[in-house]
Protein backbone atom coordinates (compact mmCIF):
# COMPACT_ATOMS: atom_id res chain seq x y z
CA UNK A 1 125.36 31.06 151.48
CA UNK A 2 127.13 30.18 148.12
CA UNK A 3 127.88 26.43 147.08
CA UNK A 4 131.65 25.49 147.01
CA UNK A 5 131.27 24.53 143.02
CA UNK A 6 129.21 28.49 142.46
CA UNK A 7 132.77 29.54 144.05
CA UNK A 8 134.83 28.31 142.67
CA UNK A 9 133.30 28.60 139.37
CA UNK A 10 133.19 31.95 139.60
CA UNK A 11 137.07 31.70 140.80
CA UNK A 12 137.63 30.06 137.77
CA UNK A 13 135.79 32.57 135.29
CA UNK A 14 137.56 35.13 136.71
CA UNK A 15 141.14 33.83 136.45
CA UNK A 16 140.56 32.28 133.33
CA UNK A 17 139.40 35.72 131.85
CA UNK A 18 142.63 37.47 132.25
CA UNK A 19 144.44 34.84 132.35
CA UNK A 20 146.01 33.84 136.14
CA UNK A 21 144.72 31.60 138.75
CA UNK A 22 141.40 33.50 139.83
CA UNK A 23 141.84 31.96 143.26
CA UNK A 24 145.27 32.49 144.12
CA UNK A 25 144.03 37.02 143.37
CA UNK A 26 141.13 35.75 145.89
CA UNK A 27 142.46 34.51 148.79
CA UNK A 28 141.55 30.96 147.87
CA UNK A 29 138.44 29.27 148.29
CA UNK A 30 138.08 28.67 151.76
CA UNK A 31 136.21 32.05 152.25
CA UNK A 32 132.82 33.32 151.68
CA UNK A 33 132.89 34.66 148.10
CA UNK A 34 131.83 38.29 147.92
CA UNK A 35 129.98 39.66 145.24
CA UNK A 36 129.74 43.44 143.71
CA UNK A 37 128.50 45.11 140.49
CA UNK A 38 129.85 47.85 139.03
CA UNK A 39 129.53 50.38 135.90
CA UNK A 40 133.42 50.72 134.75
CA UNK A 41 134.62 51.93 130.95
CA UNK A 42 135.99 49.78 128.24
CA UNK A 43 137.00 49.81 125.06
CA UNK A 44 134.51 49.92 121.90
CA UNK A 45 136.36 47.37 119.70
CA UNK A 46 133.95 47.64 116.56
CA UNK A 47 133.06 51.65 117.13
CA UNK A 48 136.86 51.78 117.69
CA UNK A 49 137.86 50.73 114.65
CA UNK A 50 135.23 52.56 112.72
CA UNK A 51 136.66 55.50 114.54
CA UNK A 52 140.26 55.62 114.01
CA UNK A 53 140.54 56.33 117.45
CA UNK A 54 139.98 54.69 121.30
CA UNK A 55 136.36 54.68 121.53
CA UNK A 56 135.18 53.33 124.93
CA UNK A 57 131.45 52.48 126.23
CA UNK A 58 130.10 51.50 129.45
CA UNK A 59 129.45 47.42 130.41
CA UNK A 60 128.72 46.06 134.01
CA UNK A 61 131.58 44.44 135.80
CA UNK A 62 132.15 41.91 139.07
CA UNK A 63 134.02 42.31 141.56
CA UNK A 64 135.12 39.08 142.95
CA UNK A 65 136.80 38.37 147.27
CA UNK A 66 136.41 35.86 149.86
CA UNK A 67 136.39 36.79 153.46
CA UNK A 68 139.14 38.09 154.78
CA UNK A 69 141.33 38.39 150.99
CA UNK A 70 142.93 41.60 150.43
CA UNK A 71 142.97 41.63 146.30
CA UNK A 72 140.09 40.91 144.03
CA UNK A 73 139.23 39.71 140.67
CA UNK A 74 137.03 41.60 138.32
CA UNK A 75 135.88 40.68 134.97
CA UNK A 76 133.19 41.72 132.90
CA UNK A 77 129.86 40.92 134.41
CA UNK A 78 128.25 37.82 132.02
CA UNK A 79 124.53 35.97 132.14
CA UNK A 80 126.15 33.33 134.65
CA UNK A 81 127.35 36.06 136.99
CA UNK A 82 123.54 37.16 137.17
CA UNK A 83 122.33 34.04 137.94
CA UNK A 84 125.28 33.33 140.79
CA UNK A 85 124.55 36.71 142.35
CA UNK A 86 120.93 37.26 141.87
CA UNK A 87 121.01 39.48 144.99
CA UNK A 88 123.96 41.15 144.26
CA UNK A 89 122.75 42.75 140.52
CA UNK A 90 119.04 42.89 141.81
CA UNK A 91 120.47 45.79 144.22
CA UNK A 92 123.35 46.89 141.37
CA UNK A 93 120.26 47.21 138.85
CA UNK A 94 118.40 49.51 141.99
CA UNK A 95 121.20 51.39 142.67
CA UNK A 96 120.94 52.41 138.35
CA UNK A 97 117.53 53.13 138.68
CA UNK A 98 117.75 55.13 141.21
CA UNK A 99 121.05 56.82 142.30
CA UNK A 100 122.17 58.53 145.01
CA UNK A 101 125.61 60.96 145.24
CA UNK A 102 128.16 61.73 148.37
CA UNK A 103 127.32 64.59 149.69
CA UNK A 104 131.68 65.01 149.67
CA UNK A 105 131.23 65.45 146.06
CA UNK A 106 130.01 69.23 146.23
CA UNK A 107 132.46 71.73 145.46
CA UNK A 108 133.89 73.48 149.10
CA UNK A 109 132.64 69.99 151.23
CA UNK A 110 134.79 70.66 153.78
CA UNK A 111 135.19 68.20 156.85
CA UNK A 112 132.84 70.64 159.13
CA UNK A 113 130.54 69.60 156.88
CA UNK A 114 131.30 66.13 156.80
CA UNK A 115 130.89 66.18 160.66
CA UNK A 116 127.77 68.14 160.68
CA UNK A 117 126.23 66.18 157.86
CA UNK A 118 127.00 62.48 160.14
CA UNK A 119 125.45 63.72 163.21
CA UNK A 120 122.69 64.51 161.10
CA UNK A 121 122.61 60.78 159.08
CA UNK A 122 122.84 62.47 155.92
CA UNK A 123 125.38 60.98 153.58
CA UNK A 124 123.29 61.95 149.51
CA UNK A 125 123.12 64.94 148.07
CA UNK A 126 120.00 63.42 147.40
CA UNK A 127 119.01 63.12 152.09
CA UNK A 128 120.54 66.59 152.20
CA UNK A 129 118.30 68.65 149.91
CA UNK A 130 115.13 66.74 151.09
CA UNK A 131 116.50 67.22 154.90
CA UNK A 132 115.48 69.53 157.27
CA UNK A 133 119.00 71.02 158.50
CA UNK A 134 120.13 73.15 161.10
CA UNK A 135 121.27 76.81 160.23
CA UNK A 136 125.14 75.48 159.27
CA UNK A 137 124.18 72.88 156.41
CA UNK A 138 121.61 76.03 154.62
CA UNK A 139 124.04 76.90 152.04
CA UNK A 140 125.65 73.31 151.51
CA UNK A 141 121.79 72.58 151.05
CA UNK A 142 121.31 75.22 148.57
CA UNK A 143 124.33 73.96 146.54
CA UNK A 144 122.82 70.51 146.65
CA UNK A 145 119.73 72.22 145.21
CA UNK A 146 121.08 73.13 142.75
CA UNK A 147 123.88 70.00 142.08
CA UNK A 148 120.47 67.85 141.67
CA UNK A 149 118.95 70.55 139.73
CA UNK A 150 121.93 70.01 136.70
CA UNK A 151 122.24 66.63 136.98
CA UNK A 152 117.67 65.84 136.25
CA UNK A 153 116.98 64.76 132.97
CA UNK A 154 114.67 67.31 132.27
CA UNK A 155 115.10 70.53 131.22
CA UNK A 156 118.28 72.54 132.01
CA UNK A 157 117.56 75.56 134.31
CA UNK A 158 116.71 79.45 132.83
CA UNK A 159 119.58 81.44 134.02
CA UNK A 160 117.52 84.56 132.77
CA UNK A 161 118.95 87.39 130.25
CA UNK A 162 118.02 88.04 126.95
CA UNK A 163 118.41 85.30 124.03
CA UNK A 164 122.41 84.33 123.16
CA UNK A 165 123.30 86.16 119.90
CA UNK A 166 120.05 88.73 120.92
CA UNK A 167 121.53 92.63 119.98
CA UNK A 168 117.92 93.72 122.02
CA UNK A 169 119.56 95.22 125.24
CA UNK A 170 117.03 95.86 128.51
CA UNK A 171 116.65 99.79 128.32
CA UNK A 172 116.79 100.76 132.39
CA UNK A 173 114.88 103.70 133.24
CA UNK A 174 116.96 105.84 136.02
CA UNK A 175 114.86 104.37 138.66
CA UNK A 176 116.25 100.66 137.66
CA UNK A 177 113.37 99.41 136.54
CA UNK A 178 113.57 97.34 132.80
CA UNK A 179 111.43 98.88 129.96
CA UNK A 180 110.02 95.89 127.95
CA UNK A 181 111.74 96.19 125.01
CA UNK A 182 109.91 95.80 121.52
CA UNK A 183 109.43 93.42 119.70
């Protein structure tokens, strides 16, 4: 899968960035090295100097570890890392283009909900919204639908009511029907 030279180069890069021996952190070069790209907050030095306070930005990082290792090494992903681990980088880019969110992020998600979702093989909020679910999950599905609507880059969901700052209050007739306000 990976040549010994590729593994050693990755471990040296990992160690050289944080001043440690990367091979010792990852567990040696005897096993197969695994890589995972992820986004992480890092200090934006330029913006921090200009703003006078700490400013963060997101940057792609890479985590490297060997089979059987209990430790790993992470650093900001370089162009060489992308070349060394093209499949992992492609998977990372695909995940960033089409993010999925765990059902466990929903408010009030319980162990019972987890069992129902696990039985139905539903692990993401997106899958829950699209699924034909049993009655016990209908409330959670409605919450998931609202949750995704809030995350969508389009227009925010309409909440109804009058415009903020408006002094015109709707007039309600005796039978409960709202009369139109003259504009």
